[in-house]
Each structure stands twice: as C-alpha cells, then as structure tokens.
Protein backbone atom coordinates (compact mmCIF):
# COMPACT_ATOMS: atom_id res chain seq x y z
CA UNK A 1 13.91 -21.81 -20.43
CA UNK A 2 14.26 -18.03 -20.35
CA UNK A 3 12.64 -17.83 -16.90
CA UNK A 4 15.01 -20.50 -15.58
CA UNK A 5 18.02 -18.66 -16.98
CA UNK A 6 16.80 -15.40 -15.44
CA UNK A 7 16.44 -17.04 -12.01
CA UNK A 8 19.92 -18.58 -12.34
CA UNK A 9 21.37 -15.17 -13.15
CA UNK A 10 19.59 -13.46 -10.24
CA UNK A 11 20.61 -16.15 -7.74
CA UNK A 12 24.21 -16.04 -9.03
CA UNK A 13 24.36 -12.27 -8.68
CA UNK A 14 22.90 -12.35 -5.16
CA UNK A 15 25.33 -15.10 -4.17
CA UNK A 16 28.30 -13.16 -5.57
CA UNK A 17 27.30 -9.96 -3.76
CA UNK A 18 26.15 -11.31 -0.39
CA UNK A 19 28.30 -14.46 -0.11
CA UNK A 20 31.58 -13.82 -1.96
CA UNK A 21 33.50 -16.66 -0.23
CA UNK A 22 34.86 -19.63 -2.14
CA UNK A 23 36.05 -17.81 -5.25
CA UNK A 24 39.32 -19.00 -6.73
CA UNK A 25 41.95 -16.35 -7.37
CA UNK A 26 43.26 -15.87 -10.90
CA UNK A 27 46.07 -18.29 -11.67
CA UNK A 28 45.19 -20.70 -8.86
CA UNK A 29 45.63 -24.44 -9.09
CA UNK A 30 42.98 -26.62 -10.70
CA UNK A 31 41.87 -27.87 -7.29
CA UNK A 32 41.02 -24.29 -6.24
CA UNK A 33 38.77 -23.93 -9.29
CA UNK A 34 37.05 -27.21 -8.42
CA UNK A 35 36.55 -26.02 -4.85
CA UNK A 36 35.16 -22.73 -6.17
CA UNK A 37 32.73 -24.61 -8.41
CA UNK A 38 31.60 -26.67 -5.42
CA UNK A 39 30.95 -23.52 -3.38
CA UNK A 40 29.10 -21.96 -6.30
CA UNK A 41 26.83 -24.99 -6.61
CA UNK A 42 26.17 -24.92 -2.84
CA UNK A 43 25.22 -21.24 -3.10
CA UNK A 44 22.85 -22.02 -5.99
CA UNK A 45 21.16 -24.79 -4.02
CA UNK A 46 20.81 -22.53 -0.97
CA UNK A 47 19.37 -19.74 -3.15
CA UNK A 48 16.92 -22.16 -4.79
CA UNK A 49 15.77 -23.36 -1.37
CA UNK A 50 15.26 -19.80 -0.14
CA UNK A 51 13.35 -18.94 -3.31
CA UNK A 52 11.13 -22.02 -2.89
CA UNK A 53 10.45 -21.09 0.75
CA UNK A 54 9.53 -17.55 -0.30
CA UNK A 55 7.19 -18.78 -3.05
CA UNK A 56 5.46 -21.20 -0.67
CA UNK A 57 4.92 -18.49 1.95
CA UNK A 58 3.47 -16.12 -0.66
CA UNK A 59 1.08 -18.84 -1.89
CA UNK A 60 -0.08 -19.49 1.67
CA UNK A 61 -0.71 -15.79 2.20
CA UNK A 62 -2.91 -15.79 -0.92
CA UNK A 63 -4.90 -18.77 0.36
CA UNK A 64 -5.50 -17.07 3.71
CA UNK A 65 -6.88 -13.99 1.91
CA UNK A 66 -9.49 -15.97 -0.07
CA UNK A 67 -12.29 -15.38 2.50
CA UNK A 68 -11.74 -11.62 2.24
CA UNK A 69 -12.09 -11.75 -1.56
CA UNK A 70 -15.17 -13.97 -1.32
CA UNK A 71 -16.78 -11.59 1.16
CA UNK A 72 -16.12 -8.61 -1.10
CA UNK A 73 -17.50 -10.52 -4.12
CA UNK A 74 -20.62 -11.46 -2.17
CA UNK A 75 -21.23 -7.86 -1.10
CA UNK A 76 -20.75 -6.57 -4.63
CA UNK A 77 -23.15 -9.24 -5.95
CA UNK A 78 -25.77 -8.29 -3.36
CA UNK A 79 -25.34 -4.61 -4.21
CA UNK A 80 -25.79 -5.37 -7.92
CA UNK A 81 -28.94 -7.39 -7.19
CA UNK A 82 -30.42 -4.62 -5.06
CA UNK A 83 -29.60 -2.00 -7.68
CA UNK A 84 -31.23 -4.12 -10.38
CA UNK A 85 -34.39 -4.58 -8.29
CA UNK A 86 -34.56 -0.86 -7.53
CA UNK A 87 -34.00 0.18 -11.16
CA UNK A 88 -36.74 -2.17 -12.42
CA UNK A 89 -39.28 -0.77 -9.99
CA UNK A 90 -38.74 2.80 -11.22
C-alpha cells in the first residue's frame, strides 16, 4: 500500500510540473472542478502507462544480459576448479 501511494505521489507531482493544464482556478464552478478531476485522472493513467512501459523495457534489458552473467559465472567456476586442482597438487 505504501509503494502504491508513493507511486501515486510521484506521478501526481510529475504531472503537475510537466503537464499543468486542466487545473481549475480557485472559486470556479463545480463543472470546472469536475473537468479538472477528469484531466487529473487522464494524467494518472498516462503516467501509469509510461511507468509500465519503462518497467517492461528494463526487464527486457535484464533478460538480454543473462548470457553475459552466465559466461562470467562459468569462467569464475572454471577458475575456481583450476585453482583447487593446483592447490591440491602442491
């Protein structure tokens, strides 16, 4: 729940700073507040979609780096095996 609230706060702040349109002025009619709420919800949905796209692209980058990590693990395992064989023979 805390993580969801944090994401809501961050998306709201980014929307207010980078997309300040749709805000109702103080003392406006009730319809202006409803329109402002609609714009706010649209900004939240757009922010959530951008966040999801970012998270998916980061996950794909991690998957593409798996062979590099496996290669490094294999080399370290071979080095450990060689070092163990050499230390036993001494």
